[in-house]
Amino acid sequence: MSPCDSWDWETEEKRIPFSRWQTQYQWVESPCVAPDGESIAAVVRLTEAGFGVRVNDRLWTQMFEKAWHLGFAPDGRLVAIVSDGETWTVAVDSRLWEHRFDYIWRPLFCPQGSHMAFAFQQDRQYGMILDDHPWPNTFANISAMNLSPDGLHTSASVQVKHLPAGDIFAFAQGAFSAAADGQAWPATFMNVWRGCFSPDGAHLAAEVRLSPDEYTIAVDGEQWPHTFTAVWEPRFHPHGGSVTAPVRLDGCWTLARDGRIEWRRNFVQCWQHQYSPNGEHIAAIVCPEYGRWTVALDGKPWRLRVGDMITDLSFSADGRHVAAAVKNKNTWSIAVDDLCWHHRFDRVWPPVFSPDGWHVAIKAEKEGRFALVVDDVVTPVSGEVMWSPCFSPNAEKLLVPLIRDGSFVRRIVSMGEVLG
């Protein structure tokens, strides 16, 4: 059962006055909206020395020295990083975590939102905290933080050896590794970058650098059997143990699996690859020729070419369709299955597929206004502020949160209404 099955899909419109917040407080930071659209929240300045959190018509009882990175978890809990007594902690629905640190950043949520993690710094050492449980070990440096899909494990690239300033020989010998749940791999590398967990959280893969011109992927500390002149972020197969990653070899980029070339087609660039949910297909953003971007599906590039960039690549739930945001000649649009929409915008947000895969909806900006766009149709649903839309489980309706005429509006629109 999807969480949105229980949402209110019948009430066409709900309103919460928002503009009055601006007169009630010294200032109001950018608001955020709950996944079900029922709540809007923002950090507000209460006094010269304190900040609070406003949710709909109520204010959290605590006042903080500082509150930032306010946002709703996928399960609807409201989360903020707050400074309390000159230390930093996490507030979840106004409840403070027990542990305190010199600093906290980089919130991570599992897809269901039931678990959350953050990076922390304490006494010039770094680690991660998961559901108020910090790592047992800390490190001199930390980067590329990650949370497993099930939300039960955390990882990061960490520095495990002391590096005297300017000591290039110590750097060349390898001072970095990857740590899972605070335990670093025994192996060290010149550099360790982005990593990912297997679907069950039992294994960790990461980009590693062996020498100034040798790169590969390491899985649980074990290197792939082959090296390359560059690599990008690895991915585990959704239903198997194999690992894939874009790799550079002989001046060209392609995709490798477990250290061996998977795609026989070479590209000027290949990155941000993704599996379809069923694991049967792989899509990646590629550059077939210099300065021209497209999407490759299972190694075969689309005919579409754009000159600026492509981002926000996504599969439909059934794995049959691929969409991406494309920028060409300084305007944005959406491409679906090698066909680009006709409408152009100043900015677009990641494409959202309907559960059946037949429709794509986005939030788009043009001339300072935001509008709901569905299947290349610019709908009348618009506002001064808007959040990305969400389809109902039966794909017959859309939830669109927006701010219009001083009110936060939770709109439910039918597909018949937006497409005619």
Protein backbone atom coordinates (compact mmCIF):
# COMPACT_ATOMS: atom_id res chain seq x y z
CA MET A 1 0.00 0.00 0.00
CA SER A 2 1.39 3.39 -1.00
CA PRO A 3 1.35 6.14 1.67
CA CYS A 4 -0.66 8.36 -0.67
CA ASP A 5 -3.52 5.81 -0.74
CA SER A 6 -4.77 7.30 2.53
CA TRP A 7 -4.53 10.94 1.45
CA ASP A 8 -7.59 13.08 0.86
CA TRP A 9 -8.13 12.94 -2.90
CA GLU A 10 -11.75 14.16 -2.79
CA THR A 11 -11.54 17.71 -1.41
CA GLU A 12 -10.75 19.89 -4.40
CA GLU A 13 -9.21 22.77 -2.48
CA LYS A 14 -7.96 23.59 1.01
CA ARG A 15 -6.55 26.99 2.02
CA ILE A 16 -4.28 28.18 4.79
CA PRO A 17 -3.62 31.95 5.13
CA PHE A 18 0.10 32.52 4.61
CA SER A 19 0.72 36.20 3.87
CA ARG A 20 -0.17 37.18 7.43
CA TRP A 21 2.90 35.25 8.63
CA GLN A 22 5.01 38.03 7.13
CA THR A 23 3.43 40.58 9.47
CA GLN A 24 3.45 38.36 12.56
CA TYR A 25 7.22 37.73 12.61
CA GLN A 26 10.41 39.68 11.98
CA TRP A 27 10.99 37.52 8.94
CA VAL A 28 9.85 34.23 7.43
CA GLU A 29 12.24 31.90 5.61
CA SER A 30 11.27 29.88 2.52
CA PRO A 31 8.42 27.51 3.45
CA CYS A 32 8.23 23.75 2.90
CA VAL A 33 5.19 21.52 2.37
CA ALA A 34 4.28 18.08 3.70
CA PRO A 35 4.12 15.23 1.16
CA ASP A 36 0.32 15.01 1.55
CA GLY A 37 -0.04 18.77 1.08
CA GLU A 38 -1.89 19.19 4.38
CA SER A 39 0.78 21.28 6.12
CA ILE A 40 3.02 24.21 5.31
CA ALA A 41 5.91 25.12 7.59
CA ALA A 42 8.67 27.72 7.81
CA VAL A 43 11.42 28.91 10.10
CA VAL A 44 10.38 32.27 11.56
CA ARG A 45 12.33 34.85 13.51
CA LEU A 46 10.60 35.52 16.82
CA THR A 47 13.01 37.95 18.47
CA GLU A 48 16.47 39.37 17.83
CA ALA A 49 17.88 36.34 19.67
CA GLY A 50 15.58 33.52 18.68
CA PHE A 51 13.92 31.53 15.92
CA GLY A 52 10.88 29.28 15.90
CA VAL A 53 9.07 26.89 13.56
CA ARG A 54 5.55 27.69 12.35
CA VAL A 55 3.34 24.83 11.08
CA ASN A 56 -0.07 25.84 9.70
CA ASP A 57 -1.71 27.78 12.53
CA ARG A 58 0.57 26.73 15.37
CA LEU A 59 4.10 27.48 16.54
CA TRP A 60 6.51 24.98 18.04
CA THR A 61 6.86 25.69 21.76
CA GLN A 62 10.67 25.90 21.62
CA MET A 63 12.68 28.92 20.60
CA PHE A 64 16.13 28.24 19.11
CA GLU A 65 19.30 30.24 18.67
CA LYS A 66 19.14 29.18 15.04
CA ALA A 67 17.04 26.77 12.98
CA TRP A 68 17.77 25.76 9.40
CA HIS A 69 17.26 23.10 6.75
CA LEU A 70 13.60 22.71 7.72
CA GLY A 71 11.84 20.02 5.71
CA PHE A 72 9.31 17.22 5.83
CA ALA A 73 10.48 13.62 5.79
CA PRO A 74 8.76 11.35 3.26
CA ASP A 75 6.57 10.00 6.07
CA GLY A 76 5.35 13.52 6.93
CA ARG A 77 7.44 14.28 10.02
CA LEU A 78 8.78 17.82 10.18
CA VAL A 79 12.54 17.94 10.70
CA ALA A 80 14.92 20.82 11.41
CA ILE A 81 18.56 21.26 12.36
CA VAL A 82 18.61 23.55 15.39
CA SER A 83 21.10 25.30 17.64
CA ASP A 84 20.17 24.78 21.27
CA GLY A 85 22.45 25.98 24.07
CA GLU A 86 25.32 26.74 21.66
CA THR A 87 25.28 23.15 20.39
CA TRP A 88 23.51 21.64 17.39
CA THR A 89 20.97 18.85 17.32
CA VAL A 90 17.96 17.62 15.35
CA ALA A 91 14.33 18.46 16.06
CA VAL A 92 11.67 16.05 14.79
CA ASP A 93 8.11 17.34 15.17
CA SER A 94 9.53 19.68 17.84
CA ARG A 95 11.15 16.83 19.82
CA LEU A 96 14.91 17.27 20.24
CA TRP A 97 17.36 14.44 19.81
CA GLU A 98 19.46 13.66 22.87
CA HIS A 99 22.89 13.95 21.25
CA ARG A 100 24.50 17.37 20.76
CA PHE A 101 27.35 18.35 18.43
CA ASP A 102 29.45 21.31 17.37
CA TYR A 103 27.71 21.17 13.99
CA ILE A 104 25.23 19.04 12.02
CA TRP A 105 24.47 19.02 8.29
CA ARG A 106 23.48 16.88 5.28
CA PRO A 107 20.06 15.40 6.18
CA LEU A 108 19.36 12.03 4.54
CA PHE A 109 16.06 10.12 4.50
CA CYS A 110 15.22 6.62 3.35
CA PRO A 111 12.45 6.48 0.70
CA GLN A 112 9.78 5.66 3.27
CA GLY A 113 11.04 8.37 5.64
CA SER A 114 11.06 6.06 8.66
CA HIS A 115 14.81 6.57 9.19
CA MET A 116 16.98 9.67 8.90
CA ALA A 117 20.68 10.41 9.15
CA PHE A 118 22.94 13.47 9.39
CA ALA A 119 26.64 14.23 9.29
CA PHE A 120 28.14 15.78 12.43
CA GLN A 121 31.32 17.45 13.62
CA GLN A 122 32.48 17.23 17.22
CA ASP A 123 35.88 18.30 18.59
CA ARG A 124 37.24 18.57 15.03
CA GLN A 125 36.26 14.99 14.28
CA TYR A 126 33.51 13.88 11.92
CA GLY A 127 30.94 11.11 11.77
CA MET A 128 27.28 10.33 11.10
CA ILE A 129 24.25 9.93 13.30
CA LEU A 130 21.31 7.67 12.42
CA ASP A 131 18.03 8.08 14.32
CA ASP A 132 19.90 9.70 17.24
CA HIS A 133 22.58 6.96 17.31
CA PRO A 134 26.03 8.36 16.40
CA TRP A 135 28.85 6.36 14.88
CA PRO A 136 31.13 4.70 17.46
CA ASN A 137 34.18 6.04 15.57
CA THR A 138 34.92 9.50 14.18
CA PHE A 139 37.37 10.64 11.51
CA ALA A 140 39.54 13.60 10.52
CA ASN A 141 37.46 14.25 7.39
CA ILE A 142 34.17 13.02 5.96
CA SER A 143 32.38 13.42 2.62
CA ALA A 144 29.98 11.66 0.26
CA MET A 145 27.54 10.70 3.01
CA ASN A 146 24.99 8.01 2.18
CA LEU A 147 22.00 6.20 3.69
CA SER A 148 21.04 2.67 2.66
CA PRO A 149 17.68 2.15 0.91
CA ASP A 150 16.25 0.42 3.98
CA GLY A 151 17.44 3.28 6.18
CA LEU A 152 19.37 1.01 8.55
CA HIS A 153 22.96 1.78 7.50
CA THR A 154 25.06 4.87 6.83
CA SER A 155 28.31 5.34 4.94
CA ALA A 156 30.79 8.04 3.98
CA SER A 157 34.23 8.59 2.51
CA VAL A 158 36.60 9.17 5.43
CA GLN A 159 40.21 10.09 6.16
CA VAL A 160 41.80 7.33 8.24
CA LYS A 161 45.46 8.46 8.33
CA HIS A 162 47.04 11.72 9.38
CA LEU A 163 48.16 13.90 6.48
CA PRO A 164 50.81 16.51 7.38
CA ALA A 165 50.30 19.73 5.47
CA GLY A 166 51.91 19.55 2.05
CA ASP A 167 53.07 15.93 2.45
CA ILE A 168 52.41 14.67 -1.07
CA PHE A 169 54.13 11.36 -0.37
CA ALA A 170 51.80 10.50 2.51
CA PHE A 171 48.87 11.47 0.27
CA ALA A 172 50.14 9.20 -2.53
CA GLN A 173 50.41 6.26 -0.13
CA GLY A 174 46.68 6.50 0.61
CA ALA A 175 44.96 8.06 3.60
CA PHE A 176 41.31 7.65 2.65
CA SER A 177 38.79 4.85 2.87
CA ALA A 178 35.05 4.25 3.09
CA ALA A 179 33.23 3.65 6.36
CA ALA A 180 29.94 1.84 6.87
CA ASP A 181 28.20 2.43 10.19
CA GLY A 182 31.42 3.97 11.49
CA GLN A 183 33.68 1.03 10.58
CA ALA A 184 36.27 1.89 7.93
CA TRP A 185 37.43 -0.58 5.30
CA PRO A 186 40.92 -1.98 6.02
CA ALA A 187 42.03 -0.87 2.55
CA THR A 188 43.17 2.72 1.99
CA PHE A 189 43.26 4.72 -1.23
CA MET A 190 44.59 8.01 -2.59
CA ASN A 191 40.97 9.21 -2.77
CA VAL A 192 37.51 7.81 -2.11
CA TRP A 193 34.43 9.52 -3.51
CA ARG A 194 30.73 8.77 -3.92
CA GLY A 195 29.42 5.39 -2.85
CA CYS A 196 26.17 3.45 -2.73
CA PHE A 197 24.66 0.60 -0.74
CA SER A 198 23.20 -2.58 -2.14
CA PRO A 199 19.38 -2.73 -1.91
CA ASP A 200 19.57 -4.80 1.30
CA GLY A 201 22.21 -2.52 2.84
CA ALA A 202 24.68 -5.41 3.24
CA HIS A 203 27.30 -4.16 0.77
CA LEU A 204 28.94 -0.85 -0.07
CA ALA A 205 30.56 0.24 -3.34
CA ALA A 206 32.54 3.46 -3.91
CA GLU A 207 34.69 5.31 -6.42
CA VAL A 208 38.39 4.99 -5.51
CA ARG A 209 41.64 6.42 -6.83
CA LEU A 210 44.72 4.21 -6.73
CA SER A 211 47.31 6.52 -8.27
CA PRO A 212 47.33 9.88 -10.10
CA ASP A 213 45.97 8.20 -13.25
CA GLU A 214 44.34 4.95 -12.01
CA TYR A 215 40.75 4.76 -10.83
CA THR A 216 38.34 1.91 -10.18
CA ILE A 217 35.39 0.80 -8.04
CA ALA A 218 35.81 -0.95 -4.70
CA VAL A 219 33.07 -3.16 -3.21
CA ASP A 220 33.38 -3.77 0.52
CA GLY A 221 37.02 -2.69 0.17
CA GLU A 222 37.84 -5.08 -2.68
CA GLN A 223 38.89 -3.46 -5.95
CA TRP A 224 37.51 -4.34 -9.35
CA PRO A 225 39.95 -6.46 -11.40
CA HIS A 226 40.55 -3.62 -13.90
CA THR A 227 41.46 0.04 -13.58
CA PHE A 228 40.44 3.06 -15.65
CA THR A 229 41.51 6.66 -16.22
CA ALA A 230 38.31 7.87 -14.47
CA VAL A 231 35.10 6.49 -12.97
CA TRP A 232 31.73 7.85 -11.88
CA GLU A 233 29.29 6.87 -9.14
CA PRO A 234 28.56 3.11 -8.91
CA ARG A 235 25.13 1.47 -8.69
CA PHE A 236 24.01 -1.94 -7.49
CA HIS A 237 21.58 -3.95 -9.58
CA PRO A 238 18.16 -3.62 -7.86
CA HIS A 239 17.71 -7.39 -7.62
CA GLY A 240 21.23 -8.79 -7.84
CA GLY A 241 24.72 -8.38 -6.48
CA SER A 242 26.44 -6.90 -9.54
CA VAL A 243 27.74 -3.32 -9.60
CA THR A 244 27.86 -0.98 -12.59
CA ALA A 245 29.60 2.36 -13.07
CA PRO A 246 30.52 4.72 -15.91
CA VAL A 247 34.24 4.37 -16.69
CA ARG A 248 36.75 6.17 -18.90
CA LEU A 249 39.12 4.04 -20.98
CA ASP A 250 41.29 5.02 -23.95
CA GLY A 251 39.89 8.54 -23.91
CA CYS A 252 36.21 7.48 -24.07
CA TRP A 253 33.43 6.79 -21.57
CA THR A 254 31.17 3.75 -21.37
CA LEU A 255 29.51 1.54 -18.73
CA ALA A 256 31.23 -1.30 -16.89
CA ARG A 257 29.83 -4.11 -14.75
CA ASP A 258 31.97 -5.67 -12.03
CA GLY A 259 35.07 -4.26 -13.70
CA ARG A 260 34.34 -5.43 -17.24
CA ILE A 261 32.93 -3.37 -20.10
CA GLU A 262 29.14 -3.72 -20.32
CA TRP A 263 28.24 -1.27 -23.09
CA ARG A 264 30.16 -1.61 -26.35
CA ARG A 265 29.23 1.92 -27.41
CA ASN A 266 31.69 4.67 -26.40
CA PHE A 267 30.81 8.26 -25.54
CA VAL A 268 32.57 11.56 -24.93
CA GLN A 269 30.84 11.48 -21.51
CA CYS A 270 28.60 9.01 -19.67
CA TRP A 271 27.27 9.59 -16.18
CA GLN A 272 24.33 9.62 -13.73
CA HIS A 273 23.22 6.15 -14.81
CA GLN A 274 20.09 4.63 -13.30
CA TYR A 275 18.40 1.25 -13.27
CA SER A 276 14.74 0.79 -14.03
CA PRO A 277 12.85 -0.36 -10.92
CA ASN A 278 12.75 -3.95 -12.19
CA GLY A 279 16.46 -3.88 -13.07
CA GLU A 280 15.88 -4.80 -16.71
CA HIS A 281 17.12 -1.51 -18.18
CA ILE A 282 19.84 1.07 -17.56
CA ALA A 283 19.64 4.70 -18.67
CA ALA A 284 22.44 7.26 -18.52
CA ILE A 285 23.12 10.84 -19.56
CA VAL A 286 25.66 10.69 -22.38
CA CYS A 287 27.52 12.88 -24.82
CA PRO A 288 27.78 11.05 -28.19
CA GLU A 289 29.78 13.89 -29.69
CA TYR A 290 31.48 16.85 -28.11
CA GLY A 291 29.02 19.45 -26.83
CA ARG A 292 25.88 17.45 -27.67
CA TRP A 293 23.93 15.69 -24.92
CA THR A 294 21.31 12.95 -24.94
CA VAL A 295 20.12 9.87 -23.04
CA ALA A 296 21.33 6.34 -23.68
CA LEU A 297 19.03 3.43 -22.89
CA ASP A 298 20.86 0.11 -22.52
CA GLY A 299 23.79 1.64 -24.39
CA LYS A 300 21.78 2.97 -27.33
CA PRO A 301 21.60 6.79 -27.51
CA TRP A 302 18.43 8.69 -28.28
CA ARG A 303 18.25 10.61 -31.52
CA LEU A 304 17.57 13.79 -29.52
CA ARG A 305 20.54 16.15 -29.05
CA VAL A 306 20.74 19.27 -26.87
CA GLY A 307 23.59 21.69 -26.51
CA ASP A 308 23.41 22.85 -22.87
CA MET A 309 22.65 19.99 -20.47
CA ILE A 310 20.40 17.12 -19.40
CA THR A 311 19.50 16.32 -15.79
CA ASP A 312 16.88 14.72 -13.50
CA LEU A 313 16.81 11.41 -15.39
CA SER A 314 13.99 9.13 -14.21
CA PHE A 315 12.19 5.89 -15.09
CA SER A 316 8.49 5.20 -14.89
CA ALA A 317 7.46 2.67 -12.24
CA ASP A 318 7.04 -0.09 -14.84
CA GLY A 319 10.46 0.66 -16.36
CA ARG A 320 9.04 1.20 -19.85
CA HIS A 321 9.50 4.96 -20.10
CA VAL A 322 12.32 7.42 -19.44
CA ALA A 323 12.07 11.17 -18.90
CA ALA A 324 14.59 13.93 -18.26
CA ALA A 325 14.85 17.70 -17.99
CA VAL A 326 16.71 19.16 -20.99
CA LYS A 327 18.25 22.58 -21.52
CA ASN A 328 18.95 23.84 -25.02
CA LYS A 329 19.75 27.41 -26.11
CA ASN A 330 19.22 28.56 -22.53
CA THR A 331 15.61 27.33 -22.24
CA TRP A 332 14.29 24.26 -20.46
CA SER A 333 11.87 21.53 -21.45
CA ILE A 334 11.15 17.83 -20.84
CA ALA A 335 12.06 14.87 -23.03
CA VAL A 336 10.15 11.60 -22.75
CA ASP A 337 11.22 8.50 -24.67
CA ASP A 338 13.35 10.48 -27.14
CA LEU A 339 10.63 13.08 -27.84
CA CYS A 340 11.00 16.64 -26.55
CA TRP A 341 8.03 18.70 -25.46
CA HIS A 342 7.27 21.76 -27.57
CA HIS A 343 6.85 24.21 -24.70
CA ARG A 344 9.94 25.96 -23.35
CA PHE A 345 10.42 27.40 -19.87
CA ASP A 346 12.85 29.46 -17.83
CA ARG A 347 13.18 26.53 -15.44
CA VAL A 348 11.71 23.09 -14.87
CA TRP A 349 11.72 20.67 -11.96
CA PRO A 350 12.22 16.87 -12.08
CA PRO A 351 9.59 15.04 -14.16
CA VAL A 352 7.00 13.01 -12.21
CA PHE A 353 5.52 9.90 -13.84
CA SER A 354 1.99 8.75 -13.13
CA PRO A 355 1.85 5.32 -11.46
CA ASP A 356 0.78 3.70 -14.74
CA GLY A 357 3.61 5.42 -16.62
CA TRP A 358 1.33 7.06 -19.18
CA HIS A 359 1.61 10.67 -18.02
CA VAL A 360 4.36 13.08 -16.95
CA ALA A 361 3.77 16.17 -14.81
CA ILE A 362 6.16 18.93 -13.78
CA LYS A 363 6.40 22.23 -11.99
CA ALA A 364 7.70 24.86 -14.43
CA GLU A 365 8.64 28.53 -14.17
CA LYS A 366 8.23 31.16 -16.83
CA GLU A 367 8.50 34.92 -16.38
CA GLY A 368 8.39 34.61 -12.61
CA ARG A 369 5.21 32.51 -12.44
CA PHE A 370 4.94 28.81 -11.69
CA ALA A 371 2.55 26.49 -13.50
CA LEU A 372 1.55 22.85 -13.58
CA VAL A 373 2.45 21.23 -16.91
CA VAL A 374 1.13 17.77 -17.85
CA ASP A 375 2.11 15.94 -21.04
CA ASP A 376 3.30 19.22 -22.62
CA VAL A 377 0.00 20.97 -21.76
CA VAL A 378 0.42 24.15 -19.70
CA THR A 379 -2.55 24.02 -17.35
CA PRO A 380 -4.35 26.97 -15.70
CA VAL A 381 -3.09 25.78 -12.29
CA SER A 382 -0.49 28.39 -11.35
CA GLY A 383 0.80 30.46 -8.46
CA GLU A 384 3.52 32.71 -7.08
CA VAL A 385 5.07 29.64 -5.43
CA MET A 386 4.51 25.99 -6.30
CA TRP A 387 5.78 22.58 -5.25
CA SER A 388 6.13 19.52 -7.47
CA PRO A 389 2.87 17.68 -8.22
CA CYS A 390 1.97 14.17 -7.10
CA PHE A 391 -0.31 11.69 -8.88
CA SER A 392 -3.07 9.78 -7.12
CA PRO A 393 -2.60 5.98 -6.96
CA ASN A 394 -5.10 5.48 -9.81
CA ALA A 395 -3.41 8.21 -11.90
CA GLU A 396 -6.73 10.04 -12.30
CA LYS A 397 -5.89 13.09 -10.14
CA LEU A 398 -3.01 15.35 -9.21
CA LEU A 399 -2.15 16.99 -5.89
CA VAL A 400 -0.63 20.44 -6.47
CA PRO A 401 0.53 22.52 -3.47
CA LEU A 402 0.96 26.24 -4.25
CA ILE A 403 0.81 29.76 -2.86
CA ARG A 404 -1.60 32.09 -4.60
CA ASP A 405 -3.04 35.46 -3.57
CA GLY A 406 -1.50 35.27 -0.11
CA SER A 407 -2.79 31.78 0.76
CA PHE A 408 -1.28 28.34 0.72
CA VAL A 409 -3.57 26.25 -1.48
CA ARG A 410 -3.80 22.46 -1.61
CA ARG A 411 -5.34 21.75 -5.02
CA ILE A 412 -6.67 18.43 -6.29
CA VAL A 413 -7.20 18.48 -10.05
CA SER A 414 -8.47 15.68 -12.26
CA MET A 415 -6.64 14.58 -15.38
CA GLY A 416 -9.77 15.42 -17.35
CA GLU A 417 -9.60 18.97 -16.04
CA VAL A 418 -5.96 19.54 -16.98
CA LEU A 419 -5.97 17.69 -20.33
CA GLY A 420 -9.52 18.46 -21.46
